[in-house]
Amino acid sequence: MAHDQESGPRDGADPFEDMLAELAGRREEFHELRYVPRDFVDRLKTLGLYRAATPERFGGQTMPPAEFLRKIERISAVDGSTGWVASFGSQLVYLGPLPLETQAKLYADGPDVVFAGGLFPVQPATPTARGFLLNGRWKFASGCMAADVVCVGIPGDDATAGKPRGVVLTPDRLEIVREWDVVGMRATGSFDLVAKDVEVDREWSFIRGGPPVIDEPLYRYPAIAYAAQSLSVVSAGVARAALDFAERTGSGRASITGAPRLAERAYYRAGVAEAEAALRSARAYFYEAAEEAWDSLAAGGEVGDEQNAHLRLSAAHLARTAAEVVAKVVSLSGTAAIHRTHPLQALLGDALVPQEHAFLSPAMYDAAGAVLMGHPPTVPAFR
């Protein structure tokens, strides 16, 4: 699909709103490509999404998590895949354990750095005099087609206390294999990364889950929880799109059987209202947890284990609730929604994906419950 020139920037328009308008005109193009192209990611850069988590000492402009998450939610209401790719603007905090000198090199050309990760499955690496020799294949490298740097996972050693390492390098040093044929989040470009005898200096590796070397409030916010929130909120945007569709079109189509219009049916009105209440309730908990954690940091405190548990629980709960909301809207919408080209089918596929992520799995309920009752979390990397 050709780029619609009329969907580009307009003088006097709000830049974020203008970006959303362009996205609405180009999302089918992105889904045909199966990735969000670099020119649009560059557009997201101009909005500060890829410097929102860059350390301030390297030119970053810290965006409080709840503010960043609301922006990702709005993007996702237009296109979930683009929201997913944009959400990685938060994940530079994941690179906080990189040596400070390495981070200075990472941001040497400016604070707007696009990060993508193909961390699993962890692949063996051979130690060398300089660092590590990589050979292997990693899955789910969302956004890799427009990334400035990517991170792949390798095993830990005695120096990491058994924790795995992450290795950071530029994507041109790897082969990108475009195997991504899915029912949801089709345009995330979550392709495979392949390394064949690629040597990376040790200074570009870090202990995953290790303490950050940056002492700034955002780098004291739990990194894995923030990653989970950034992915979960995509599902909220997708569910919002489904509810908007249901409320907008419910009264616009008569049944082929002569039955009342959808909005004239009590079960449809009640079902949509229940879904609306469920989504808004899950969102309220989600943003409440994010704001309380950030307020603790802004006041000079820490995010405690209980607060972290609420971050993880609210993120998992939002992803699950959003998926249920979209499924409910589909079930209420009659036979029209069974057609492959119906708008709700794409939303149903997109809503499926976030809840399947390891950070948002049903196991988070058990782990959070354990912490809230004073026990250790029941899953690894909970904090």
Protein backbone atom coordinates (compact mmCIF):
# COMPACT_ATOMS: atom_id res chain seq x y z
CA MET A 1 0.00 0.00 0.00
CA ALA A 2 1.43 3.38 -0.97
CA HIS A 3 2.05 6.00 1.70
CA ASP A 4 -0.84 8.48 1.75
CA GLN A 5 0.88 11.86 1.55
CA GLU A 6 -2.23 13.60 2.87
CA SER A 7 -1.84 11.75 6.16
CA GLY A 8 1.51 13.44 6.87
CA PRO A 9 2.13 16.34 9.26
CA ARG A 10 -0.21 19.32 9.10
CA ASP A 11 0.84 22.81 10.16
CA GLY A 12 -0.69 23.78 13.48
CA ALA A 13 -1.85 20.27 14.36
CA ASP A 14 -0.95 18.61 17.63
CA PRO A 15 2.04 16.38 16.76
CA PHE A 16 0.76 13.38 18.70
CA GLU A 17 -2.74 13.62 17.25
CA ASP A 18 -1.26 14.10 13.79
CA MET A 19 0.80 10.94 14.25
CA LEU A 20 -2.35 9.01 15.22
CA ALA A 21 -4.08 10.25 12.08
CA GLU A 22 -1.18 9.08 9.92
CA LEU A 23 -1.19 5.72 11.71
CA ALA A 24 -4.89 5.23 10.99
CA GLY A 25 -4.13 5.74 7.31
CA ARG A 26 -1.11 3.44 7.21
CA ARG A 27 -1.88 0.55 9.57
CA GLU A 28 -2.92 -1.76 6.73
CA GLU A 29 0.40 -1.02 5.03
CA PHE A 30 2.23 -1.99 8.20
CA HIS A 31 0.28 -5.24 8.50
CA GLU A 32 1.09 -6.16 4.92
CA LEU A 33 4.78 -5.54 5.64
CA ARG A 34 4.50 -7.36 8.98
CA TYR A 35 6.54 -4.63 10.67
CA VAL A 36 6.43 -0.93 11.45
CA PRO A 37 8.88 0.73 9.04
CA ARG A 38 11.72 2.96 10.08
CA ASP A 39 10.19 6.18 8.76
CA PHE A 40 7.25 5.82 11.13
CA VAL A 41 9.48 4.81 14.05
CA ASP A 42 11.45 7.98 13.30
CA ARG A 43 8.14 9.83 13.58
CA LEU A 44 7.67 8.32 17.04
CA LYS A 45 11.18 9.47 17.93
CA THR A 46 10.20 13.09 17.30
CA LEU A 47 7.49 12.70 19.94
CA GLY A 48 10.04 11.78 22.61
CA LEU A 49 8.97 8.16 23.01
CA TYR A 50 12.49 6.84 22.50
CA ARG A 51 14.17 9.23 24.91
CA ALA A 52 11.56 8.81 27.65
CA ALA A 53 13.71 6.18 29.38
CA THR A 54 17.18 7.34 28.31
CA PRO A 55 19.24 8.39 31.33
CA GLU A 56 19.03 12.14 31.85
CA ARG A 57 22.82 12.29 32.11
CA PHE A 58 22.89 11.24 28.43
CA GLY A 59 20.20 13.66 27.27
CA GLY A 60 17.08 11.70 28.14
CA GLN A 61 13.81 13.40 29.03
CA THR A 62 12.29 11.20 31.70
CA MET A 63 8.60 10.55 31.27
CA PRO A 64 6.79 9.26 34.38
CA PRO A 65 5.64 5.69 33.70
CA ALA A 66 1.91 6.44 33.85
CA GLU A 67 2.31 9.27 31.33
CA PHE A 68 4.28 7.07 28.95
CA LEU A 69 1.81 4.20 29.34
CA ARG A 70 -1.16 6.43 28.52
CA LYS A 71 0.53 7.42 25.27
CA ILE A 72 1.12 3.77 24.36
CA GLU A 73 -2.51 2.99 25.15
CA ARG A 74 -3.72 5.71 22.77
CA ILE A 75 -1.44 4.48 19.98
CA SER A 76 -2.67 0.93 20.55
CA ALA A 77 -6.29 2.00 20.22
CA VAL A 78 -5.43 2.89 16.62
CA ASP A 79 -3.11 -0.07 15.99
CA GLY A 80 -1.98 -2.59 18.58
CA SER A 81 1.15 -3.59 16.66
CA THR A 82 2.43 -0.04 16.51
CA GLY A 83 1.65 0.41 20.18
CA TRP A 84 3.66 -2.73 20.94
CA VAL A 85 6.67 -1.43 18.99
CA ALA A 86 6.39 2.03 20.55
CA SER A 87 6.22 0.47 24.02
CA PHE A 88 9.86 -0.52 23.72
CA GLY A 89 10.70 3.12 24.30
CA SER A 90 10.38 2.27 28.00
CA GLN A 91 12.78 -0.64 27.91
CA LEU A 92 16.09 1.18 27.80
CA VAL A 93 15.87 0.85 31.60
CA TYR A 94 16.55 -2.83 30.95
CA LEU A 95 20.05 -1.81 29.83
CA GLY A 96 20.72 -0.03 33.12
CA PRO A 97 23.31 -2.62 34.24
CA LEU A 98 25.52 -1.97 31.19
CA PRO A 99 28.87 -0.39 32.18
CA LEU A 100 28.62 3.39 32.34
CA GLU A 101 31.30 3.84 29.67
CA THR A 102 29.33 1.56 27.35
CA GLN A 103 26.16 3.55 27.92
CA ALA A 104 28.03 6.72 27.02
CA LYS A 105 28.90 5.08 23.68
CA LEU A 106 25.33 3.85 23.24
CA TYR A 107 23.97 7.41 23.46
CA ALA A 108 26.90 9.16 21.79
CA ASP A 109 24.82 10.10 18.74
CA GLY A 110 21.84 11.28 20.79
CA PRO A 111 19.25 10.10 23.31
CA ASP A 112 16.71 8.68 20.84
CA VAL A 113 17.75 5.03 20.76
CA VAL A 114 15.39 2.31 19.51
CA PHE A 115 15.90 -0.95 21.37
CA ALA A 116 14.63 -4.43 20.46
CA GLY A 117 15.22 -7.70 22.26
CA GLY A 118 15.40 -11.27 21.06
CA LEU A 119 16.34 -12.67 24.43
CA PHE A 120 14.94 -16.19 24.25
CA PRO A 121 15.71 -18.96 23.99
CA VAL A 122 19.05 -18.33 25.68
CA GLN A 123 21.77 -19.48 23.29
CA PRO A 124 25.28 -20.70 24.20
CA ALA A 125 28.20 -18.34 23.71
CA THR A 126 31.90 -19.12 23.63
CA PRO A 127 34.11 -16.89 25.82
CA THR A 128 36.94 -15.17 23.95
CA ALA A 129 39.76 -12.86 24.94
CA ARG A 130 37.56 -9.88 24.00
CA GLY A 131 34.18 -11.10 25.10
CA PHE A 132 31.83 -13.66 23.60
CA LEU A 133 31.45 -15.48 20.27
CA LEU A 134 27.77 -15.78 19.43
CA ASN A 135 26.13 -18.57 17.48
CA GLY A 136 22.42 -19.18 17.72
CA ARG A 137 18.89 -18.14 16.94
CA TRP A 138 16.62 -16.00 19.10
CA LYS A 139 12.86 -15.53 18.78
CA PHE A 140 10.38 -12.66 19.08
CA ALA A 141 12.64 -9.67 18.34
CA SER A 142 9.75 -7.22 18.12
CA GLY A 143 10.64 -4.00 16.33
CA CYS A 144 14.01 -5.27 15.11
CA MET A 145 13.52 -3.91 11.57
CA ALA A 146 13.81 -0.33 12.82
CA ALA A 147 15.99 -0.90 15.89
CA ASP A 148 19.25 0.91 16.53
CA VAL A 149 20.42 -1.85 18.88
CA VAL A 150 19.23 -5.32 19.77
CA CYS A 151 19.87 -7.50 22.79
CA VAL A 152 20.19 -11.29 22.74
CA GLY A 153 20.36 -13.69 25.66
CA ILE A 154 23.32 -15.92 26.56
CA PRO A 155 23.96 -18.07 29.66
CA GLY A 156 25.43 -16.68 32.83
CA ASP A 157 28.57 -17.91 34.53
CA ASP A 158 30.19 -17.84 37.96
CA ALA A 159 30.50 -14.05 37.74
CA THR A 160 26.73 -13.62 37.31
CA ALA A 161 25.61 -15.90 40.16
CA GLY A 162 23.77 -18.00 37.61
CA LYS A 163 21.75 -15.14 36.12
CA PRO A 164 21.79 -14.99 32.29
CA ARG A 165 23.56 -12.26 30.39
CA GLY A 166 22.28 -9.88 27.77
CA VAL A 167 24.53 -8.91 24.87
CA VAL A 168 23.92 -5.66 22.98
CA LEU A 169 24.89 -5.15 19.33
CA THR A 170 23.66 -3.48 16.18
CA PRO A 171 21.15 -5.46 14.08
CA ASP A 172 23.31 -5.29 10.95
CA ARG A 173 25.64 -7.83 12.58
CA LEU A 174 22.86 -10.42 12.66
CA GLU A 175 20.60 -12.08 10.13
CA ILE A 176 16.93 -11.19 10.51
CA VAL A 177 14.73 -14.12 9.50
CA ARG A 178 11.20 -12.98 8.78
CA GLU A 179 9.29 -15.86 10.31
CA TRP A 180 6.24 -14.20 11.85
CA ASP A 181 2.90 -15.56 10.65
CA VAL A 182 0.44 -14.93 13.45
CA VAL A 183 -3.19 -14.03 14.13
CA GLY A 184 -2.38 -11.07 16.38
CA MET A 185 0.15 -8.23 16.54
CA ARG A 186 1.03 -9.04 12.96
CA ALA A 187 2.91 -5.81 12.28
CA THR A 188 5.26 -6.01 15.28
CA GLY A 189 7.99 -7.54 13.12
CA SER A 190 8.76 -10.06 15.85
CA PHE A 191 11.23 -11.85 13.65
CA ASP A 192 14.09 -14.24 14.51
CA LEU A 193 17.67 -13.06 15.02
CA VAL A 194 20.49 -15.36 13.87
CA ALA A 195 24.17 -15.01 14.79
CA LYS A 196 26.94 -16.89 13.00
CA ASP A 197 30.38 -16.46 14.59
CA VAL A 198 29.66 -12.91 15.79
CA GLU A 199 32.11 -11.68 18.41
CA VAL A 200 30.96 -9.04 20.88
CA ASP A 201 33.15 -7.23 23.38
CA ARG A 202 32.48 -8.04 27.03
CA GLU A 203 31.77 -4.37 27.79
CA TRP A 204 28.60 -4.70 25.69
CA SER A 205 27.21 -7.41 27.95
CA PHE A 206 25.37 -7.14 31.27
CA ILE A 207 23.75 -9.30 33.91
CA ARG A 208 20.04 -9.47 33.19
CA GLY A 209 18.26 -8.37 36.32
CA GLY A 210 21.48 -6.93 37.73
CA PRO A 211 21.54 -3.58 39.56
CA PRO A 212 21.63 -0.51 37.29
CA VAL A 213 24.68 1.72 37.30
CA ILE A 214 22.45 4.77 36.73
CA ASP A 215 21.10 6.46 39.87
CA GLU A 216 17.99 8.22 38.59
CA PRO A 217 14.37 7.74 39.72
CA LEU A 218 13.28 5.86 36.58
CA TYR A 219 16.21 3.47 36.99
CA ARG A 220 14.96 2.66 40.49
CA TYR A 221 11.53 1.78 39.12
CA PRO A 222 11.37 -2.05 38.77
CA ALA A 223 12.57 -2.71 35.21
CA ILE A 224 10.75 -6.00 34.63
CA ALA A 225 7.52 -4.58 36.04
CA TYR A 226 7.82 -1.61 33.68
CA ALA A 227 8.35 -3.93 30.73
CA ALA A 228 5.26 -5.90 31.76
CA GLN A 229 3.20 -2.72 32.09
CA SER A 230 4.33 -1.43 28.70
CA LEU A 231 3.14 -4.60 26.98
CA SER A 232 -0.04 -4.96 29.02
CA VAL A 233 -1.28 -1.46 28.27
CA VAL A 234 -1.30 -2.31 24.56
CA SER A 235 -4.18 -4.68 25.27
CA ALA A 236 -6.09 -1.87 26.98
CA GLY A 237 -5.87 0.21 23.81
CA VAL A 238 -7.07 -2.72 21.71
CA ALA A 239 -10.02 -3.30 24.06
CA ARG A 240 -10.85 0.40 23.93
CA ALA A 241 -11.02 0.17 20.14
CA ALA A 242 -13.37 -2.83 20.38
CA LEU A 243 -15.70 -1.07 22.80
CA ASP A 244 -15.71 2.11 20.72
CA PHE A 245 -16.64 0.00 17.71
CA ALA A 246 -19.44 -1.73 19.62
CA GLU A 247 -20.88 1.51 20.95
CA ARG A 248 -20.56 3.29 17.62
CA THR A 249 -22.08 0.61 15.43
CA GLY A 250 -24.57 -1.09 17.73
CA SER A 251 -27.47 0.95 16.46
CA GLY A 252 -26.36 1.09 12.86
CA ARG A 253 -27.15 -2.36 11.49
CA ALA A 254 -30.44 -4.17 11.27
CA SER A 255 -30.50 -7.96 11.51
CA ILE A 256 -30.97 -9.92 8.30
CA THR A 257 -33.68 -11.86 10.15
CA GLY A 258 -35.65 -8.73 10.91
CA ALA A 259 -34.74 -8.80 14.60
CA PRO A 260 -34.17 -5.51 16.46
CA ARG A 261 -30.93 -3.62 15.95
CA LEU A 262 -28.17 -4.60 18.34
CA ALA A 263 -28.52 -1.48 20.49
CA GLU A 264 -32.22 -2.22 20.87
CA ARG A 265 -31.46 -5.58 22.51
CA ALA A 266 -31.16 -5.65 26.29
CA TYR A 267 -28.42 -8.31 26.31
CA TYR A 268 -26.28 -6.23 23.94
CA ARG A 269 -26.64 -3.02 25.96
CA ALA A 270 -25.99 -4.82 29.23
CA GLY A 271 -23.07 -6.82 27.85
CA VAL A 272 -21.31 -3.78 26.42
CA ALA A 273 -21.88 -1.89 29.67
CA GLU A 274 -20.42 -4.75 31.70
CA ALA A 275 -17.39 -4.86 29.43
CA GLU A 276 -16.98 -1.09 29.74
CA ALA A 277 -17.04 -1.33 33.53
CA ALA A 278 -14.59 -4.23 33.57
CA LEU A 279 -12.04 -2.44 31.38
CA ARG A 280 -12.27 0.85 33.23
CA SER A 281 -11.90 -0.92 36.59
CA ALA A 282 -8.80 -2.84 35.48
CA ARG A 283 -7.30 0.36 34.01
CA ALA A 284 -7.92 2.26 37.24
CA TYR A 285 -6.02 -0.34 39.27
CA PHE A 286 -3.24 -0.45 36.68
CA TYR A 287 -2.64 3.32 36.63
CA GLU A 288 -3.13 3.62 40.39
CA ALA A 289 -0.30 1.12 40.96
CA ALA A 290 1.97 2.91 38.48
CA GLU A 291 1.35 6.33 40.00
CA GLU A 292 1.81 5.13 43.59
CA ALA A 293 5.14 3.50 42.74
CA TRP A 294 6.39 6.60 40.94
CA ASP A 295 5.25 8.87 43.77
CA SER A 296 7.32 6.77 46.18
CA LEU A 297 10.41 7.28 44.03
CA ALA A 298 9.76 10.97 43.47
CA ALA A 299 9.59 11.41 47.24
CA GLY A 300 13.02 9.84 47.62
CA GLY A 301 11.79 6.43 48.69
CA GLU A 302 11.82 3.01 47.06
CA VAL A 303 9.34 0.71 45.37
CA GLY A 304 8.80 -1.97 47.97
CA ASP A 305 8.04 -5.62 47.35
CA GLU A 306 4.30 -5.11 47.92
CA GLN A 307 4.18 -2.19 45.50
CA ASN A 308 6.08 -4.26 42.94
CA ALA A 309 3.55 -7.07 43.42
CA HIS A 310 0.74 -4.63 42.63
CA LEU A 311 2.59 -3.47 39.50
CA ARG A 312 2.93 -7.05 38.28
CA LEU A 313 -0.59 -8.09 39.33
CA SER A 314 -2.33 -5.07 37.82
CA ALA A 315 -0.44 -5.53 34.55
CA ALA A 316 -1.37 -9.21 34.26
CA HIS A 317 -4.96 -8.46 35.27
CA LEU A 318 -5.33 -5.68 32.70
CA ALA A 319 -4.07 -7.90 29.88
CA ARG A 320 -6.46 -10.70 30.83
CA THR A 321 -9.41 -8.37 31.35
CA ALA A 322 -8.81 -6.60 28.04
CA ALA A 323 -8.75 -9.92 26.18
CA GLU A 324 -12.01 -10.92 27.86
CA VAL A 325 -13.58 -7.59 26.92
CA VAL A 326 -12.74 -8.00 23.24
CA ALA A 327 -14.00 -11.59 23.25
CA LYS A 328 -17.23 -10.45 24.88
CA VAL A 329 -17.77 -7.75 22.27
CA VAL A 330 -17.28 -10.32 19.51
CA SER A 331 -19.73 -12.72 21.14
CA LEU A 332 -22.35 -9.97 21.36
CA SER A 333 -21.94 -8.80 17.78
CA GLY A 334 -23.79 -11.51 15.91
CA THR A 335 -22.89 -13.31 12.72
CA ALA A 336 -21.28 -10.26 11.10
CA ALA A 337 -18.25 -10.69 13.36
CA ILE A 338 -17.47 -14.19 12.08
CA HIS A 339 -16.17 -12.86 8.77
CA ARG A 340 -12.41 -12.79 8.48
CA THR A 341 -12.45 -9.19 7.23
CA HIS A 342 -14.61 -7.88 10.08
CA PRO A 343 -12.74 -5.22 12.15
CA LEU A 344 -13.33 -7.13 15.38
CA GLN A 345 -11.41 -10.16 14.12
CA ALA A 346 -8.16 -8.18 13.95
CA LEU A 347 -8.80 -6.77 17.42
CA LEU A 348 -9.53 -10.25 18.77
CA GLY A 349 -6.16 -11.51 17.50
CA ASP A 350 -4.31 -8.50 18.89
CA ALA A 351 -5.98 -8.87 22.30
CA LEU A 352 -4.87 -12.49 22.51
CA VAL A 353 -1.14 -11.77 22.36
CA PRO A 354 -0.25 -9.66 25.45
CA GLN A 355 -1.79 -12.08 27.95
CA GLU A 356 0.36 -14.87 26.46
CA HIS A 357 3.61 -13.06 27.27
CA ALA A 358 5.62 -14.65 30.10
CA PHE A 359 5.57 -11.36 32.03
CA LEU A 360 1.75 -11.39 32.00
CA SER A 361 0.94 -15.08 32.40
CA PRO A 362 -1.58 -16.47 34.91
CA ALA A 363 1.37 -17.38 37.13
CA MET A 364 1.64 -13.69 38.06
CA TYR A 365 -1.53 -14.01 40.15
CA ASP A 366 0.03 -16.72 42.32
CA ALA A 367 3.34 -14.88 42.59
CA ALA A 368 1.69 -11.59 43.55
CA GLY A 369 -0.56 -13.33 46.05
CA ALA A 370 2.43 -14.96 47.67
CA VAL A 371 4.22 -11.62 48.10
CA LEU A 372 1.12 -9.89 49.44
CA MET A 373 0.90 -12.64 52.10
CA GLY A 374 4.53 -12.23 53.11
CA HIS A 375 6.02 -15.13 51.15
CA PRO A 376 8.65 -15.16 48.40
CA PRO A 377 7.34 -14.86 44.83
CA THR A 378 6.63 -18.19 43.18
CA VAL A 379 8.17 -17.30 39.79
CA PRO A 380 11.70 -16.18 38.90
CA ALA A 381 12.46 -12.59 37.85
CA PHE A 382 9.34 -11.28 39.59
CA ARG A 383 11.27 -8.18 40.57
